[in-house]
Amino acid sequence: MVSEIIVHNSIADLYKALNLPLEQDTGFNVHDLAQVHSELPYRSPMFRANYFSFVFVKDARGSYTLDDKLYATEPGTIYFTNPGHIKGFAIDELKSCFIITLTEAFLKENVHPNVFDEFPFMLAETVPPSVLPPSEFSEFETLYLQIYEEYQKDSLYKNRILGNLFVVLMLKIKEKFWDHYNPLEEGDRSSQIVQRFKRSLENHYRALSGGQLEYHNQVQDYASEQGLHPNYLSNVIKAKTGKSVNAWITEKTISEAQGLLRNTRHTAKEISQRLGFSEATHFSSYFKKHTGFTPGSWRKSIAP
């Protein structure tokens, strides 16, 4: 059955697979699901998503599946999911429901490079939904509708505006649901291994991009930090997230490289050194293999 689970790297990938319309696709998307799902009831296939999803159910009913857990959705429901989980959803009734999806790269570039320090609940392994009364839900509705309005505009500062509005939304979510959350205290043994790995990955690449380290960790380094055999760590991460440790390392390396190319004046050689590559040519080949661009051509492609 695992081979039937399709990985979608963006919401555009998912909607295309489901033969559903999508107006645009960037690192940050907002959609009014009432405009997308015209035929009800609707049942999605199971899939993995490599992006964050925040769902605001004002007036709808259905359910969603996250790994082996099934949750009901009803009016006033707010929930989010993060990358790597097996997911699926069902919609029985739908009048008003909005979804915000975004990538880690967008978060790092337009919210804050250390976003998971401010909002550690985004690394949560298991996130049950919360249901609010209409008076409290309306506070979130005001925010996500403002985000939706800005999302539809064509502004030179669009991503920065969306990033700042999203911070306000996240602060409200943190205040309401997650003010005292500690991701490393959550879940079973496997969940804690995943959380510690994600946190270690984040801290390591922050130190790399900040020039505080000169090498990038391998699987055995992350395993030794938790006193685990590399094969055991690899098996846990693969089983829980659908991606290998090496895949996580690759995605993080590319994400950090793109952030440095976009937000600094560092040369490709300087960035290669920051990210622990012994040779700039090795970094250039690695970057091109995973993006289709050389570092220089990618930087030119995003220039305003």
C-alpha atoms as a PDB file:
ATOM      1  CA  MET A   1       0.000   0.000   0.000  1.00  0.00           C
ATOM      2  CA  VAL A   2       2.886   2.405   0.643  1.00  0.00           C
ATOM      3  CA  SER A   3       3.706   2.497  -3.093  1.00  0.00           C
ATOM      4  CA  GLU A   4       0.250   3.990  -3.744  1.00  0.00           C
ATOM      5  CA  ILE A   5       1.009   7.068  -1.640  1.00  0.00           C
ATOM      6  CA  ILE A   6       1.962   9.912  -3.980  1.00  0.00           C
ATOM      7  CA  VAL A   7       4.266  12.705  -2.812  1.00  0.00           C
ATOM      8  CA  HIS A   8       3.196  16.226  -3.819  1.00  0.00           C
ATOM      9  CA  ASN A   9       5.814  18.964  -3.538  1.00  0.00           C
ATOM     10  CA  SER A  10       3.272  21.760  -3.985  1.00  0.00           C
ATOM     11  CA  ILE A  11      -0.464  22.245  -3.793  1.00  0.00           C
ATOM     12  CA  ALA A  12      -0.375  22.618  -7.594  1.00  0.00           C
ATOM     13  CA  ASP A  13       0.912  19.043  -7.834  1.00  0.00           C
ATOM     14  CA  LEU A  14      -1.932  17.859  -5.630  1.00  0.00           C
ATOM     15  CA  TYR A  15      -4.678  19.744  -7.455  1.00  0.00           C
ATOM     16  CA  LYS A  16      -3.380  18.596 -10.834  1.00  0.00           C
ATOM     17  CA  ALA A  17      -3.462  14.983  -9.646  1.00  0.00           C
ATOM     18  CA  LEU A  18      -7.020  15.487  -8.379  1.00  0.00           C
ATOM     19  CA  ASN A  19      -8.128  17.246 -11.616  1.00  0.00           C
ATOM     20  CA  LEU A  20      -9.078  20.341  -9.622  1.00  0.00           C
ATOM     21  CA  PRO A  21      -8.582  23.987 -10.631  1.00  0.00           C
ATOM     22  CA  LEU A  22      -5.796  26.146  -9.251  1.00  0.00           C
ATOM     23  CA  GLU A  23      -5.401  29.838 -10.026  1.00  0.00           C
ATOM     24  CA  GLN A  24      -1.697  30.125  -9.267  1.00  0.00           C
ATOM     25  CA  ASP A  25       1.086  28.357  -7.456  1.00  0.00           C
ATOM     26  CA  THR A  26       3.929  29.950  -5.541  1.00  0.00           C
ATOM     27  CA  GLY A  27       5.666  29.252  -2.254  1.00  0.00           C
ATOM     28  CA  PHE A  28       2.606  30.767  -0.556  1.00  0.00           C
ATOM     29  CA  ASN A  29      -0.973  30.042  -1.634  1.00  0.00           C
ATOM     30  CA  VAL A  30      -4.424  30.867  -0.294  1.00  0.00           C
ATOM     31  CA  HIS A  31      -7.569  29.220  -1.649  1.00  0.00           C
ATOM     32  CA  ASP A  32     -11.277  29.479  -1.031  1.00  0.00           C
ATOM     33  CA  LEU A  33     -12.159  25.789  -1.083  1.00  0.00           C
ATOM     34  CA  ALA A  34     -15.811  26.524  -1.841  1.00  0.00           C
ATOM     35  CA  GLN A  35     -14.618  27.705  -5.264  1.00  0.00           C
ATOM     36  CA  VAL A  36     -12.477  24.619  -5.810  1.00  0.00           C
ATOM     37  CA  HIS A  37     -14.739  21.771  -4.699  1.00  0.00           C
ATOM     38  CA  SER A  38     -18.033  22.178  -6.537  1.00  0.00           C
ATOM     39  CA  GLU A  39     -19.080  18.522  -6.427  1.00  0.00           C
ATOM     40  CA  LEU A  40     -19.803  17.040  -3.008  1.00  0.00           C
ATOM     41  CA  PRO A  41     -19.294  14.798  -1.171  1.00  0.00           C
ATOM     42  CA  TYR A  42     -15.599  14.589  -2.006  1.00  0.00           C
ATOM     43  CA  ARG A  43     -12.972  12.046  -0.919  1.00  0.00           C
ATOM     44  CA  SER A  44      -9.315  12.573  -1.727  1.00  0.00           C
ATOM     45  CA  PRO A  45      -6.758   9.797  -2.197  1.00  0.00           C
ATOM     46  CA  MET A  46      -4.039   9.434   0.422  1.00  0.00           C
ATOM     47  CA  PHE A  47      -0.894  11.457  -0.293  1.00  0.00           C
ATOM     48  CA  ARG A  48       2.189  13.055   1.244  1.00  0.00           C
ATOM     49  CA  ALA A  49       2.685  16.814   1.014  1.00  0.00           C
ATOM     50  CA  ASN A  50       6.017  18.620   1.238  1.00  0.00           C
ATOM     51  CA  TYR A  51       4.457  21.878   2.396  1.00  0.00           C
ATOM     52  CA  PHE A  52       2.665  23.348   5.420  1.00  0.00           C
ATOM     53  CA  SER A  53      -1.142  23.624   5.366  1.00  0.00           C
ATOM     54  CA  PHE A  54      -3.348  25.811   7.573  1.00  0.00           C
ATOM     55  CA  VAL A  55      -7.093  25.198   7.265  1.00  0.00           C
ATOM     56  CA  PHE A  56      -9.851  27.461   8.562  1.00  0.00           C
ATOM     57  CA  VAL A  57     -13.299  25.842   8.501  1.00  0.00           C
ATOM     58  CA  LYS A  58     -15.963  28.492   9.007  1.00  0.00           C
ATOM     59  CA  ASP A  59     -18.915  26.489   7.701  1.00  0.00           C
ATOM     60  CA  ALA A  60     -18.171  22.963   6.472  1.00  0.00           C
ATOM     61  CA  ARG A  61     -18.205  19.367   7.623  1.00  0.00           C
ATOM     62  CA  GLY A  62     -16.011  16.422   6.841  1.00  0.00           C
ATOM     63  CA  SER A  63     -12.823  14.815   8.128  1.00  0.00           C
ATOM     64  CA  TYR A  64      -9.122  14.488   7.507  1.00  0.00           C
ATOM     65  CA  THR A  65      -6.609  11.702   8.047  1.00  0.00           C
ATOM     66  CA  LEU A  66      -3.091  12.283   9.326  1.00  0.00           C
ATOM     67  CA  ASP A  67      -0.983   9.115   9.271  1.00  0.00           C
ATOM     68  CA  ASP A  68      -3.038   6.634  11.322  1.00  0.00           C
ATOM     69  CA  LYS A  69      -5.363   9.197  12.960  1.00  0.00           C
ATOM     70  CA  LEU A  70      -8.778  10.368  11.773  1.00  0.00           C
ATOM     71  CA  TYR A  71     -10.138  13.767  12.814  1.00  0.00           C
ATOM     72  CA  ALA A  72     -13.572  15.294  12.246  1.00  0.00           C
ATOM     73  CA  THR A  73     -13.975  18.832  10.931  1.00  0.00           C
ATOM     74  CA  GLU A  74     -16.976  20.990  11.756  1.00  0.00           C
ATOM     75  CA  PRO A  75     -17.826  24.709  11.773  1.00  0.00           C
ATOM     76  CA  GLY A  76     -15.177  26.619  13.720  1.00  0.00           C
ATOM     77  CA  THR A  77     -12.376  24.091  13.131  1.00  0.00           C
ATOM     78  CA  ILE A  78      -8.784  25.275  12.736  1.00  0.00           C
ATOM     79  CA  TYR A  79      -5.949  22.860  12.040  1.00  0.00           C
ATOM     80  CA  PHE A  80      -2.577  22.642  10.343  1.00  0.00           C
ATOM     81  CA  THR A  81      -0.319  19.916   9.010  1.00  0.00           C
ATOM     82  CA  ASN A  82       3.387  20.009   8.233  1.00  0.00           C
ATOM     83  CA  PRO A  83       5.520  18.239   5.605  1.00  0.00           C
ATOM     84  CA  GLY A  84       6.076  14.508   5.483  1.00  0.00           C
ATOM     85  CA  HIS A  85       2.843  12.994   6.785  1.00  0.00           C
ATOM     86  CA  ILE A  86       0.453  10.692   4.969  1.00  0.00           C
ATOM     87  CA  LYS A  87      -2.740  12.703   4.554  1.00  0.00           C
ATOM     88  CA  GLY A  88      -6.209  12.591   3.083  1.00  0.00           C
ATOM     89  CA  PHE A  89      -9.417  14.562   3.463  1.00  0.00           C
ATOM     90  CA  ALA A  90     -13.165  14.239   2.995  1.00  0.00           C
ATOM     91  CA  ILE A  91     -15.679  17.037   2.442  1.00  0.00           C
ATOM     92  CA  ASP A  92     -19.366  16.339   3.065  1.00  0.00           C
ATOM     93  CA  GLU A  93     -20.709  19.894   3.346  1.00  0.00           C
ATOM     94  CA  LEU A  94     -18.944  23.074   2.270  1.00  0.00           C
ATOM     95  CA  LYS A  95     -20.010  26.706   2.436  1.00  0.00           C
ATOM     96  CA  SER A  96     -16.941  28.523   3.729  1.00  0.00           C
ATOM     97  CA  CYS A  97     -13.444  27.096   4.210  1.00  0.00           C
ATOM     98  CA  PHE A  98     -10.025  28.569   3.402  1.00  0.00           C
ATOM     99  CA  ILE A  99      -6.638  26.891   3.164  1.00  0.00           C
ATOM    100  CA  ILE A 100      -3.207  28.517   3.306  1.00  0.00           C
ATOM    101  CA  THR A 101      -0.268  26.452   2.058  1.00  0.00           C
ATOM    102  CA  LEU A 102       3.361  27.514   2.121  1.00  0.00           C
ATOM    103  CA  THR A 103       6.850  26.109   1.866  1.00  0.00           C
ATOM    104  CA  GLU A 104       9.716  26.238   4.313  1.00  0.00           C
ATOM    105  CA  ALA A 105      11.655  28.331   1.796  1.00  0.00           C
ATOM    106  CA  PHE A 106       8.919  30.979   1.835  1.00  0.00           C
ATOM    107  CA  LEU A 107       8.935  30.984   5.636  1.00  0.00           C
ATOM    108  CA  LYS A 108      12.700  31.456   5.797  1.00  0.00           C
ATOM    109  CA  GLU A 109      12.767  34.206   3.159  1.00  0.00           C
ATOM    110  CA  ASN A 110       9.655  36.201   4.012  1.00  0.00           C
ATOM    111  CA  VAL A 111       8.804  35.492   7.650  1.00  0.00           C
ATOM    112  CA  HIS A 112      12.064  34.942   9.532  1.00  0.00           C
ATOM    113  CA  PRO A 113      15.167  32.776   8.952  1.00  0.00           C
ATOM    114  CA  ASN A 114      14.723  31.364  12.486  1.00  0.00           C
ATOM    115  CA  VAL A 115      10.958  31.000  12.201  1.00  0.00           C
ATOM    116  CA  PHE A 116      10.828  27.717  14.139  1.00  0.00           C
ATOM    117  CA  ASP A 117      12.260  29.381  17.224  1.00  0.00           C
ATOM    118  CA  GLU A 118       9.330  31.794  17.305  1.00  0.00           C
ATOM    119  CA  PHE A 119       6.782  29.156  16.321  1.00  0.00           C
ATOM    120  CA  PRO A 120       8.090  25.734  17.477  1.00  0.00           C
ATOM    121  CA  PHE A 121       4.621  24.190  17.199  1.00  0.00           C
ATOM    122  CA  MET A 122       5.125  24.159  13.424  1.00  0.00           C
ATOM    123  CA  LEU A 123       7.417  21.171  14.008  1.00  0.00           C
ATOM    124  CA  ALA A 124       4.719  19.275  15.907  1.00  0.00           C
ATOM    125  CA  GLU A 125       4.448  15.623  14.971  1.00  0.00           C
ATOM    126  CA  THR A 126       0.769  15.220  15.818  1.00  0.00           C
ATOM    127  CA  VAL A 127      -1.593  18.180  15.622  1.00  0.00           C
ATOM    128  CA  PRO A 128      -5.246  17.578  16.538  1.00  0.00           C
ATOM    129  CA  PRO A 129      -7.737  20.190  15.304  1.00  0.00           C
ATOM    130  CA  SER A 130      -9.158  22.936  17.515  1.00  0.00           C
ATOM    131  CA  VAL A 131     -12.776  24.082  17.396  1.00  0.00           C
ATOM    132  CA  LEU A 132     -13.654  27.662  18.327  1.00  0.00           C
ATOM    133  CA  PRO A 133     -16.997  29.352  18.959  1.00  0.00           C
ATOM    134  CA  PRO A 134     -18.042  31.877  16.268  1.00  0.00           C
ATOM    135  CA  SER A 135     -16.953  34.900  18.314  1.00  0.00           C
ATOM    136  CA  GLU A 136     -13.373  33.605  18.602  1.00  0.00           C
ATOM    137  CA  PHE A 137     -13.212  32.146  15.092  1.00  0.00           C
ATOM    138  CA  SER A 138     -14.114  35.570  13.672  1.00  0.00           C
ATOM    139  CA  GLU A 139     -10.740  36.918  14.870  1.00  0.00           C
ATOM    140  CA  PHE A 140      -8.987  34.432  12.595  1.00  0.00           C
ATOM    141  CA  GLU A 141     -11.435  35.025   9.763  1.00  0.00           C
ATOM    142  CA  THR A 142     -10.528  38.719   9.691  1.00  0.00           C
ATOM    143  CA  LEU A 143      -6.855  37.806   9.359  1.00  0.00           C
ATOM    144  CA  TYR A 144      -7.071  35.075   6.732  1.00  0.00           C
ATOM    145  CA  LEU A 145      -9.462  37.129   4.573  1.00  0.00           C
ATOM    146  CA  GLN A 146      -6.988  40.017   4.657  1.00  0.00           C
ATOM    147  CA  ILE A 147      -4.247  37.606   3.602  1.00  0.00           C
ATOM    148  CA  TYR A 148      -6.502  36.299   0.820  1.00  0.00           C
ATOM    149  CA  GLU A 149      -7.122  39.843  -0.421  1.00  0.00           C
ATOM    150  CA  GLU A 150      -3.394  40.624  -0.563  1.00  0.00           C
ATOM    151  CA  TYR A 151      -2.674  37.271  -2.199  1.00  0.00           C
ATOM    152  CA  GLN A 152      -4.804  38.220  -5.181  1.00  0.00           C
ATOM    153  CA  LYS A 153      -2.932  41.488  -5.771  1.00  0.00           C
ATOM    154  CA  ASP A 154       0.083  41.964  -8.019  1.00  0.00           C
ATOM    155  CA  SER A 155       2.503  43.983  -5.933  1.00  0.00           C
ATOM    156  CA  LEU A 156       6.280  44.268  -5.995  1.00  0.00           C
ATOM    157  CA  TYR A 157       6.181  43.700  -2.228  1.00  0.00           C
ATOM    158  CA  LYS A 158       3.563  40.954  -2.284  1.00  0.00           C
ATOM    159  CA  ASN A 159       5.621  38.218  -0.624  1.00  0.00           C
ATOM    160  CA  ARG A 160       6.870  40.533   2.105  1.00  0.00           C
ATOM    161  CA  ILE A 161       3.332  41.736   2.797  1.00  0.00           C
ATOM    162  CA  LEU A 162       2.039  38.157   2.899  1.00  0.00           C
ATOM    163  CA  GLY A 163       4.927  37.134   5.145  1.00  0.00           C
ATOM    164  CA  ASN A 164       4.199  39.894   7.648  1.00  0.00           C
ATOM    165  CA  LEU A 165       0.457  39.257   7.675  1.00  0.00           C
ATOM    166  CA  PHE A 166       1.157  35.564   8.167  1.00  0.00           C
ATOM    167  CA  VAL A 167       3.260  36.402  11.245  1.00  0.00           C
ATOM    168  CA  VAL A 168       0.222  38.130  12.759  1.00  0.00           C
ATOM    169  CA  LEU A 169      -1.888  35.064  12.030  1.00  0.00           C
ATOM    170  CA  MET A 170       0.733  32.754  13.540  1.00  0.00           C
ATOM    171  CA  LEU A 171       1.013  34.883  16.661  1.00  0.00           C
ATOM    172  CA  LYS A 172      -2.746  34.635  17.106  1.00  0.00           C
ATOM    173  CA  ILE A 173      -2.574  30.840  16.657  1.00  0.00           C
ATOM    174  CA  LYS A 174       0.297  30.640  19.135  1.00  0.00           C
ATOM    175  CA  GLU A 175      -1.567  32.800  21.661  1.00  0.00           C
ATOM    176  CA  LYS A 176      -4.754  30.773  21.357  1.00  0.00           C
ATOM    177  CA  PHE A 177      -3.445  27.201  21.163  1.00  0.00           C
ATOM    178  CA  TRP A 178       0.325  26.764  21.490  1.00  0.00           C
ATOM    179  CA  ASP A 179       1.799  29.299  23.885  1.00  0.00           C
ATOM    180  CA  HIS A 180       3.529  26.699  26.075  1.00  0.00           C
ATOM    181  CA  TYR A 181       4.224  24.048  23.457  1.00  0.00           C
ATOM    182  CA  ASN A 182       7.540  22.178  23.533  1.00  0.00           C
ATOM    183  CA  PRO A 183       7.888  19.880  20.479  1.00  0.00           C
ATOM    184  CA  LEU A 184      10.537  17.710  22.130  1.00  0.00           C
ATOM    185  CA  GLU A 185       8.118  16.657  24.876  1.00  0.00           C
ATOM    186  CA  GLU A 186       5.564  15.400  22.394  1.00  0.00           C
ATOM    187  CA  GLY A 187       4.575  11.955  21.268  1.00  0.00           C
ATOM    188  CA  ASP A 188       6.088   8.502  21.385  1.00  0.00           C
ATOM    189  CA  ARG A 189       9.733   7.501  21.020  1.00  0.00           C
ATOM    190  CA  SER A 190       9.672   7.659  17.215  1.00  0.00           C
ATOM    191  CA  SER A 191       7.998  11.061  17.223  1.00  0.00           C
ATOM    192  CA  GLN A 192      10.648  12.426  19.568  1.00  0.00           C
ATOM    193  CA  ILE A 193      13.421  11.088  17.325  1.00  0.00           C
ATOM    194  CA  VAL A 194      11.848  12.883  14.363  1.00  0.00           C
ATOM    195  CA  GLN A 195      11.474  16.134  16.297  1.00  0.00           C
ATOM    196  CA  ARG A 196      15.053  16.046  17.572  1.00  0.00           C
ATOM    197  CA  PHE A 197      16.313  15.333  14.076  1.00  0.00           C
ATOM    198  CA  LYS A 198      14.343  18.250  12.585  1.00  0.00           C
ATOM    199  CA  ARG A 199      15.562  20.576  15.313  1.00  0.00           C
ATOM    200  CA  SER A 200      19.163  19.436  14.884  1.00  0.00           C
ATOM    201  CA  LEU A 201      18.918  19.876  11.117  1.00  0.00           C
ATOM    202  CA  GLU A 202      17.564  23.397  11.586  1.00  0.00           C
ATOM    203  CA  ASN A 203      20.250  24.400  14.093  1.00  0.00           C
ATOM    204  CA  HIS A 204      23.063  22.906  12.042  1.00  0.00           C
ATOM    205  CA  TYR A 205      22.145  24.756   8.853  1.00  0.00           C
ATOM    206  CA  ARG A 206      21.599  27.976  10.741  1.00  0.00           C
ATOM    207  CA  ALA A 207      25.167  27.686  12.036  1.00  0.00           C
ATOM    208  CA  LEU A 208      26.440  26.799   8.562  1.00  0.00           C
ATOM    209  CA  SER A 209      24.771  29.717   6.801  1.00  0.00           C
ATOM    210  CA  GLY A 210      25.892  32.012   9.618  1.00  0.00           C
ATOM    211  CA  GLY A 211      29.527  31.028   9.089  1.00  0.00           C
ATOM    212  CA  GLN A 212      29.886  29.302  12.464  1.00  0.00           C
ATOM    213  CA  LEU A 213      30.662  25.839  11.021  1.00  0.00           C
ATOM    214  CA  GLU A 214      32.693  24.623   8.065  1.00  0.00           C
ATOM    215  CA  TYR A 215      31.228  21.162   7.423  1.00  0.00           C
ATOM    216  CA  HIS A 216      27.783  19.733   6.856  1.00  0.00           C
ATOM    217  CA  ASN A 217      26.561  16.784   8.879  1.00  0.00           C
ATOM    218  CA  GLN A 218      26.001  13.325   7.434  1.00  0.00           C
ATOM    219  CA  VAL A 219      23.507  10.684   8.540  1.00  0.00           C
ATOM    220  CA  GLN A 220      25.912   9.266  11.108  1.00  0.00           C
ATOM    221  CA  ASP A 221      26.357  12.705  12.709  1.00  0.00           C
ATOM    222  CA  TYR A 222      22.634  13.155  13.285  1.00  0.00           C
ATOM    223  CA  ALA A 223      22.400   9.590  14.566  1.00  0.00           C
ATOM    224  CA  SER A 224      25.255  10.005  17.034  1.00  0.00           C
ATOM    225  CA  GLU A 225      23.626  13.141  18.469  1.00  0.00           C
ATOM    226  CA  GLN A 226      20.767  10.913  19.658  1.00  0.00           C
ATOM    227  CA  GLY A 227      22.904   7.898  20.490  1.00  0.00           C
ATOM    228  CA  LEU A 228      21.361   5.885  17.648  1.00  0.00           C
ATOM    229  CA  HIS A 229      22.688   3.620  14.930  1.00  0.00           C
ATOM    230  CA  PRO A 230      22.545   5.413  11.540  1.00  0.00           C
ATOM    231  CA  ASN A 231      20.387   2.653  10.058  1.00  0.00           C
ATOM    232  CA  TYR A 232      17.884   2.925  12.909  1.00  0.00           C
ATOM    233  CA  LEU A 233      17.634   6.697  12.553  1.00  0.00           C
ATOM    234  CA  SER A 234      17.176   6.323   8.806  1.00  0.00           C
ATOM    235  CA  ASN A 235      14.418   3.762   9.253  1.00  0.00           C
ATOM    236  CA  VAL A 236      12.521   5.914  11.773  1.00  0.00           C
ATOM    237  CA  ILE A 237      12.755   9.090   9.677  1.00  0.00           C
ATOM    238  CA  LYS A 238      11.730   7.275   6.503  1.00  0.00           C
ATOM    239  CA  ALA A 239       8.797   5.528   8.193  1.00  0.00           C
ATOM    240  CA  LYS A 240       7.506   8.663   9.927  1.00  0.00           C
ATOM    241  CA  THR A 241       8.056  11.251   7.179  1.00  0.00           C
ATOM    242  CA  GLY A 242       8.238   9.327   3.924  1.00  0.00           C
ATOM    243  CA  LYS A 243      11.656  10.854   3.181  1.00  0.00           C
ATOM    244  CA  SER A 244      15.129   9.559   3.951  1.00  0.00           C
ATOM    245  CA  VAL A 245      17.593  11.448   6.132  1.00  0.00           C
ATOM    246  CA  ASN A 246      19.642  12.167   3.011  1.00  0.00           C
ATOM    247  CA  ALA A 247      16.575  13.623   1.288  1.00  0.00           C
ATOM    248  CA  TRP A 248      15.984  15.928   4.256  1.00  0.00           C
ATOM    249  CA  ILE A 249      19.653  16.992   4.141  1.00  0.00           C
ATOM    250  CA  THR A 250      19.495  17.642   0.402  1.00  0.00           C
ATOM    251  CA  GLU A 251      16.304  19.703   0.629  1.00  0.00           C
ATOM    252  CA  LYS A 252      17.690  21.733   3.511  1.00  0.00           C
ATOM    253  CA  THR A 253      20.983  22.354   1.680  1.00  0.00           C
ATOM    254  CA  ILE A 254      19.181  23.599  -1.433  1.00  0.00           C
ATOM    255  CA  SER A 255      16.780  25.712   0.619  1.00  0.00           C
ATOM    256  CA  GLU A 256      19.629  27.391   2.511  1.00  0.00           C
ATOM    257  CA  ALA A 257      21.599  27.918  -0.693  1.00  0.00           C
ATOM    258  CA  GLN A 258      18.621  29.581  -2.365  1.00  0.00           C
ATOM    259  CA  GLY A 259      18.095  31.787   0.671  1.00  0.00           C
ATOM    260  CA  LEU A 260      21.726  32.940   0.562  1.00  0.00           C
ATOM    261  CA  LEU A 261      21.594  33.504  -3.198  1.00  0.00           C
ATOM    262  CA  ARG A 262      18.421  35.542  -2.878  1.00  0.00           C
ATOM    263  CA  ASN A 263      19.148  37.529   0.265  1.00  0.00           C
ATOM    264  CA  THR A 264      22.920  38.143   0.250  1.00  0.00           C
ATOM    265  CA  ARG A 265      25.611  39.378  -2.127  1.00  0.00           C
ATOM    266  CA  HIS A 266      27.802  36.344  -1.450  1.00  0.00           C
ATOM    267  CA  THR A 267      29.357  34.740  -4.509  1.00  0.00           C
ATOM    268  CA  ALA A 268      28.651  31.114  -5.343  1.00  0.00           C
ATOM    269  CA  LYS A 269      32.133  30.275  -4.055  1.00  0.00           C
ATOM    270  CA  GLU A 270      31.461  32.010  -0.743  1.00  0.00           C
ATOM    271  CA  ILE A 271      28.108  30.243  -0.396  1.00  0.00           C
ATOM    272  CA  SER A 272      29.690  26.881  -1.171  1.00  0.00           C
ATOM    273  CA  GLN A 273      32.155  27.491   1.663  1.00  0.00           C
ATOM    274  CA  ARG A 274      29.339  28.572   3.995  1.00  0.00           C
ATOM    275  CA  LEU A 275      27.484  25.331   3.310  1.00  0.00           C
ATOM    276  CA  GLY A 276      30.474  23.094   3.881  1.00  0.00           C
ATOM    277  CA  PHE A 277      31.420  22.207   0.290  1.00  0.00           C
ATOM    278  CA  SER A 278      35.142  21.666  -0.240  1.00  0.00           C
ATOM    279  CA  GLU A 279      35.000  22.939  -3.825  1.00  0.00           C
ATOM    280  CA  ALA A 280      32.806  25.572  -5.491  1.00  0.00           C
ATOM    281  CA  THR A 281      32.528  23.333  -8.569  1.00  0.00           C
ATOM    282  CA  HIS A 282      31.083  20.550  -6.396  1.00  0.00           C
ATOM    283  CA  PHE A 283      28.496  22.959  -4.986  1.00  0.00           C
ATOM    284  CA  SER A 284      27.593  24.206  -8.473  1.00  0.00           C
ATOM    285  CA  SER A 285      27.107  20.653  -9.764  1.00  0.00           C
ATOM    286  CA  TYR A 286      25.079  19.689  -6.676  1.00  0.00           C
ATOM    287  CA  PHE A 287      22.848  22.759  -7.005  1.00  0.00           C
ATOM    288  CA  LYS A 288      22.262  22.183 -10.718  1.00  0.00           C
ATOM    289  CA  LYS A 289      21.480  18.502 -10.176  1.00  0.00           C
ATOM    290  CA  HIS A 290      18.667  19.352  -7.752  1.00  0.00           C
ATOM    291  CA  THR A 291      17.302  22.567  -9.289  1.00  0.00           C
ATOM    292  CA  GLY A 292      18.197  22.450 -12.977  1.00  0.00           C
ATOM    293  CA  PHE A 293      20.099  25.747 -12.617  1.00  0.00           C
ATOM    294  CA  THR A 294      23.621  26.753 -11.768  1.00  0.00           C
ATOM    295  CA  PRO A 295      23.763  29.059  -8.711  1.00  0.00           C
ATOM    296  CA  GLY A 296      24.465  32.048 -10.940  1.00  0.00           C
ATOM    297  CA  SER A 297      21.651  31.338 -13.405  1.00  0.00           C
ATOM    298  CA  TRP A 298      19.183  30.722 -10.550  1.00  0.00           C
ATOM    299  CA  ARG A 299      20.103  34.071  -8.974  1.00  0.00           C
ATOM    300  CA  LYS A 300      19.531  35.803 -12.332  1.00  0.00           C
ATOM    301  CA  SER A 301      16.185  34.028 -12.804  1.00  0.00           C
ATOM    302  CA  ILE A 302      14.770  35.546  -9.592  1.00  0.00           C
ATOM    303  CA  ALA A 303      16.179  39.040 -10.101  1.00  0.00           C
ATOM    304  CA  PRO A 304      13.403  41.697 -10.312  1.00  0.00           C
END
